[in-house]
Amino acid sequence: MQLEILRRMTGGQRLKLALEMTDLGREFARAGIRARQPNWTERQVSRELLRIAFWPDPLPDGLP
């Protein structure tokens, strides 16, 4: 049933759904970081999200 629904969607609708799912995944990841580090600022949470997504090591200090 789900596959049939996806097939009936336009390309734009599928793209919108993919972007919404990406945003939701990012918010789940942020929630996990906050749960592990409840005292971190939003900036620290954002930096950790970037580190997890793109680098195996901590980000350089010079990045915002």
N, C-alpha and C. Protein backbone atom coordinates (compact mmCIF):
# COMPACT_ATOMS: atom_id res chain seq x y z
N MET A 1 0.83 -1.18 0.00
CA MET A 1 0.00 0.00 0.00
C MET A 1 0.88 1.26 0.00
N GLN A 2 1.93 1.25 0.83
CA GLN A 2 2.81 2.41 0.90
C GLN A 2 3.49 2.65 -0.45
N LEU A 3 3.94 1.58 -1.08
CA LEU A 3 4.60 1.71 -2.37
C LEU A 3 3.64 2.29 -3.41
N GLU A 4 2.41 1.88 -3.38
CA GLU A 4 1.41 2.40 -4.31
C GLU A 4 1.19 3.90 -4.08
N ILE A 5 1.14 4.30 -2.84
CA ILE A 5 0.96 5.72 -2.52
C ILE A 5 2.15 6.51 -3.06
N LEU A 6 3.37 6.00 -2.84
CA LEU A 6 4.55 6.70 -3.34
C LEU A 6 4.55 6.79 -4.86
N ARG A 7 4.13 5.75 -5.52
CA ARG A 7 4.08 5.76 -6.99
C ARG A 7 3.11 6.79 -7.54
N ARG A 8 2.08 7.07 -6.80
CA ARG A 8 1.07 8.03 -7.26
C ARG A 8 1.48 9.49 -7.00
N MET A 9 2.50 9.67 -6.20
CA MET A 9 2.95 11.03 -5.88
C MET A 9 3.75 11.59 -7.04
N THR A 10 3.68 12.91 -7.18
CA THR A 10 4.51 13.57 -8.19
C THR A 10 5.95 13.63 -7.68
N GLY A 11 6.86 13.97 -8.57
CA GLY A 11 8.25 14.11 -8.16
C GLY A 11 8.42 15.16 -7.08
N GLY A 12 7.70 16.26 -7.21
CA GLY A 12 7.75 17.31 -6.21
C GLY A 12 7.25 16.86 -4.85
N GLN A 13 6.20 16.07 -4.86
CA GLN A 13 5.65 15.55 -3.61
C GLN A 13 6.63 14.59 -2.94
N ARG A 14 7.28 13.75 -3.74
CA ARG A 14 8.26 12.82 -3.18
C ARG A 14 9.47 13.58 -2.63
N LEU A 15 9.90 14.62 -3.33
CA LEU A 15 11.01 15.43 -2.84
C LEU A 15 10.65 16.10 -1.52
N LYS A 16 9.46 16.67 -1.46
CA LYS A 16 9.01 17.31 -0.22
C LYS A 16 8.98 16.31 0.92
N LEU A 17 8.50 15.11 0.67
CA LEU A 17 8.46 14.07 1.69
C LEU A 17 9.88 13.70 2.14
N ALA A 18 10.80 13.57 1.20
CA ALA A 18 12.19 13.24 1.54
C ALA A 18 12.81 14.33 2.40
N LEU A 19 12.57 15.59 2.06
CA LEU A 19 13.11 16.70 2.85
C LEU A 19 12.51 16.73 4.25
N GLU A 20 11.22 16.46 4.36
CA GLU A 20 10.58 16.42 5.66
C GLU A 20 11.14 15.28 6.51
N MET A 21 11.41 14.14 5.88
CA MET A 21 11.98 13.01 6.60
C MET A 21 13.41 13.32 7.06
N THR A 22 14.15 14.05 6.24
CA THR A 22 15.50 14.46 6.62
C THR A 22 15.44 15.38 7.84
N ASP A 23 14.53 16.34 7.82
CA ASP A 23 14.38 17.25 8.96
C ASP A 23 14.00 16.48 10.22
N LEU A 24 13.10 15.51 10.09
CA LEU A 24 12.68 14.72 11.23
C LEU A 24 13.85 13.91 11.79
N GLY A 25 14.63 13.31 10.92
CA GLY A 25 15.81 12.56 11.36
C GLY A 25 16.80 13.44 12.09
N ARG A 26 16.99 14.65 11.58
CA ARG A 26 17.90 15.60 12.22
C ARG A 26 17.38 15.98 13.62
N GLU A 27 16.09 16.18 13.75
CA GLU A 27 15.53 16.51 15.06
C GLU A 27 15.64 15.35 16.04
N PHE A 28 15.48 14.11 15.56
CA PHE A 28 15.69 12.94 16.42
C PHE A 28 17.14 12.89 16.89
N ALA A 29 18.08 13.16 15.99
CA ALA A 29 19.50 13.15 16.34
C ALA A 29 19.78 14.24 17.37
N ARG A 30 19.22 15.43 17.17
CA ARG A 30 19.41 16.52 18.13
C ARG A 30 18.84 16.14 19.49
N ALA A 31 17.69 15.50 19.51
CA ALA A 31 17.08 15.08 20.77
C ALA A 31 17.97 14.07 21.49
N GLY A 32 18.58 13.18 20.73
CA GLY A 32 19.49 12.21 21.34
C GLY A 32 20.71 12.88 21.94
N ILE A 33 21.26 13.85 21.23
CA ILE A 33 22.41 14.59 21.75
C ILE A 33 22.02 15.33 23.02
N ARG A 34 20.86 15.99 23.00
CA ARG A 34 20.40 16.73 24.19
C ARG A 34 20.20 15.79 25.38
N ALA A 35 19.69 14.57 25.10
CA ALA A 35 19.46 13.61 26.19
C ALA A 35 20.79 13.17 26.80
N ARG A 36 21.83 13.04 25.98
CA ARG A 36 23.14 12.63 26.48
C ARG A 36 23.91 13.79 27.10
N GLN A 37 23.63 15.01 26.66
CA GLN A 37 24.35 16.20 27.13
C GLN A 37 23.33 17.29 27.49
N PRO A 38 22.58 17.12 28.56
CA PRO A 38 21.49 18.06 28.87
C PRO A 38 21.93 19.49 29.17
N ASN A 39 23.18 19.69 29.52
CA ASN A 39 23.64 21.04 29.85
C ASN A 39 24.24 21.78 28.67
N TRP A 40 24.30 21.15 27.49
CA TRP A 40 24.89 21.79 26.32
C TRP A 40 23.98 22.87 25.76
N THR A 41 24.61 23.90 25.20
CA THR A 41 23.87 24.96 24.51
C THR A 41 23.44 24.44 23.13
N GLU A 42 22.57 25.18 22.47
CA GLU A 42 22.14 24.81 21.12
C GLU A 42 23.33 24.82 20.16
N ARG A 43 24.27 25.73 20.37
CA ARG A 43 25.47 25.78 19.54
C ARG A 43 26.28 24.49 19.69
N GLN A 44 26.43 24.02 20.90
CA GLN A 44 27.17 22.78 21.13
C GLN A 44 26.45 21.59 20.51
N VAL A 45 25.13 21.57 20.63
CA VAL A 45 24.34 20.49 20.02
C VAL A 45 24.52 20.51 18.51
N SER A 46 24.46 21.70 17.91
CA SER A 46 24.63 21.82 16.46
C SER A 46 26.00 21.36 16.02
N ARG A 47 27.03 21.74 16.76
CA ARG A 47 28.39 21.32 16.42
C ARG A 47 28.53 19.80 16.50
N GLU A 48 27.94 19.20 17.52
CA GLU A 48 28.02 17.75 17.66
C GLU A 48 27.27 17.05 16.53
N LEU A 49 26.15 17.60 16.13
CA LEU A 49 25.40 17.03 15.02
C LEU A 49 26.25 17.06 13.75
N LEU A 50 26.93 18.16 13.50
CA LEU A 50 27.83 18.25 12.34
C LEU A 50 28.98 17.26 12.46
N ARG A 51 29.54 17.15 13.65
CA ARG A 51 30.65 16.22 13.83
C ARG A 51 30.22 14.79 13.54
N ILE A 52 29.07 14.41 14.07
CA ILE A 52 28.57 13.05 13.86
C ILE A 52 28.30 12.81 12.38
N ALA A 53 27.73 13.80 11.72
CA ALA A 53 27.34 13.63 10.32
C ALA A 53 28.52 13.63 9.36
N PHE A 54 29.55 14.43 9.63
CA PHE A 54 30.58 14.64 8.62
C PHE A 54 32.00 14.29 9.03
N TRP A 55 32.31 14.25 10.31
CA TRP A 55 33.69 14.01 10.71
C TRP A 55 33.76 12.93 11.79
N PRO A 56 34.79 12.13 11.77
CA PRO A 56 34.96 11.16 12.86
C PRO A 56 35.57 11.79 14.11
N ASP A 57 36.16 12.97 13.98
CA ASP A 57 36.81 13.65 15.09
C ASP A 57 36.08 14.94 15.42
N PRO A 58 36.35 15.52 16.57
CA PRO A 58 35.72 16.82 16.92
C PRO A 58 36.04 17.89 15.87
N LEU A 59 35.15 18.82 15.71
CA LEU A 59 35.34 19.92 14.76
C LEU A 59 36.44 20.86 15.26
N PRO A 60 37.12 21.53 14.35
CA PRO A 60 38.12 22.53 14.77
C PRO A 60 37.46 23.64 15.57
N ASP A 61 38.19 24.21 16.51
CA ASP A 61 37.65 25.26 17.37
C ASP A 61 37.24 26.52 16.62
N GLY A 62 37.84 26.80 15.47
CA GLY A 62 37.55 28.03 14.75
C GLY A 62 36.20 28.08 14.06
N LEU A 63 35.48 26.96 13.99
CA LEU A 63 34.17 26.94 13.32
C LEU A 63 33.09 27.48 14.25
N PRO A 64 32.08 28.14 13.68
CA PRO A 64 30.98 28.65 14.53
C PRO A 64 30.12 27.53 15.08
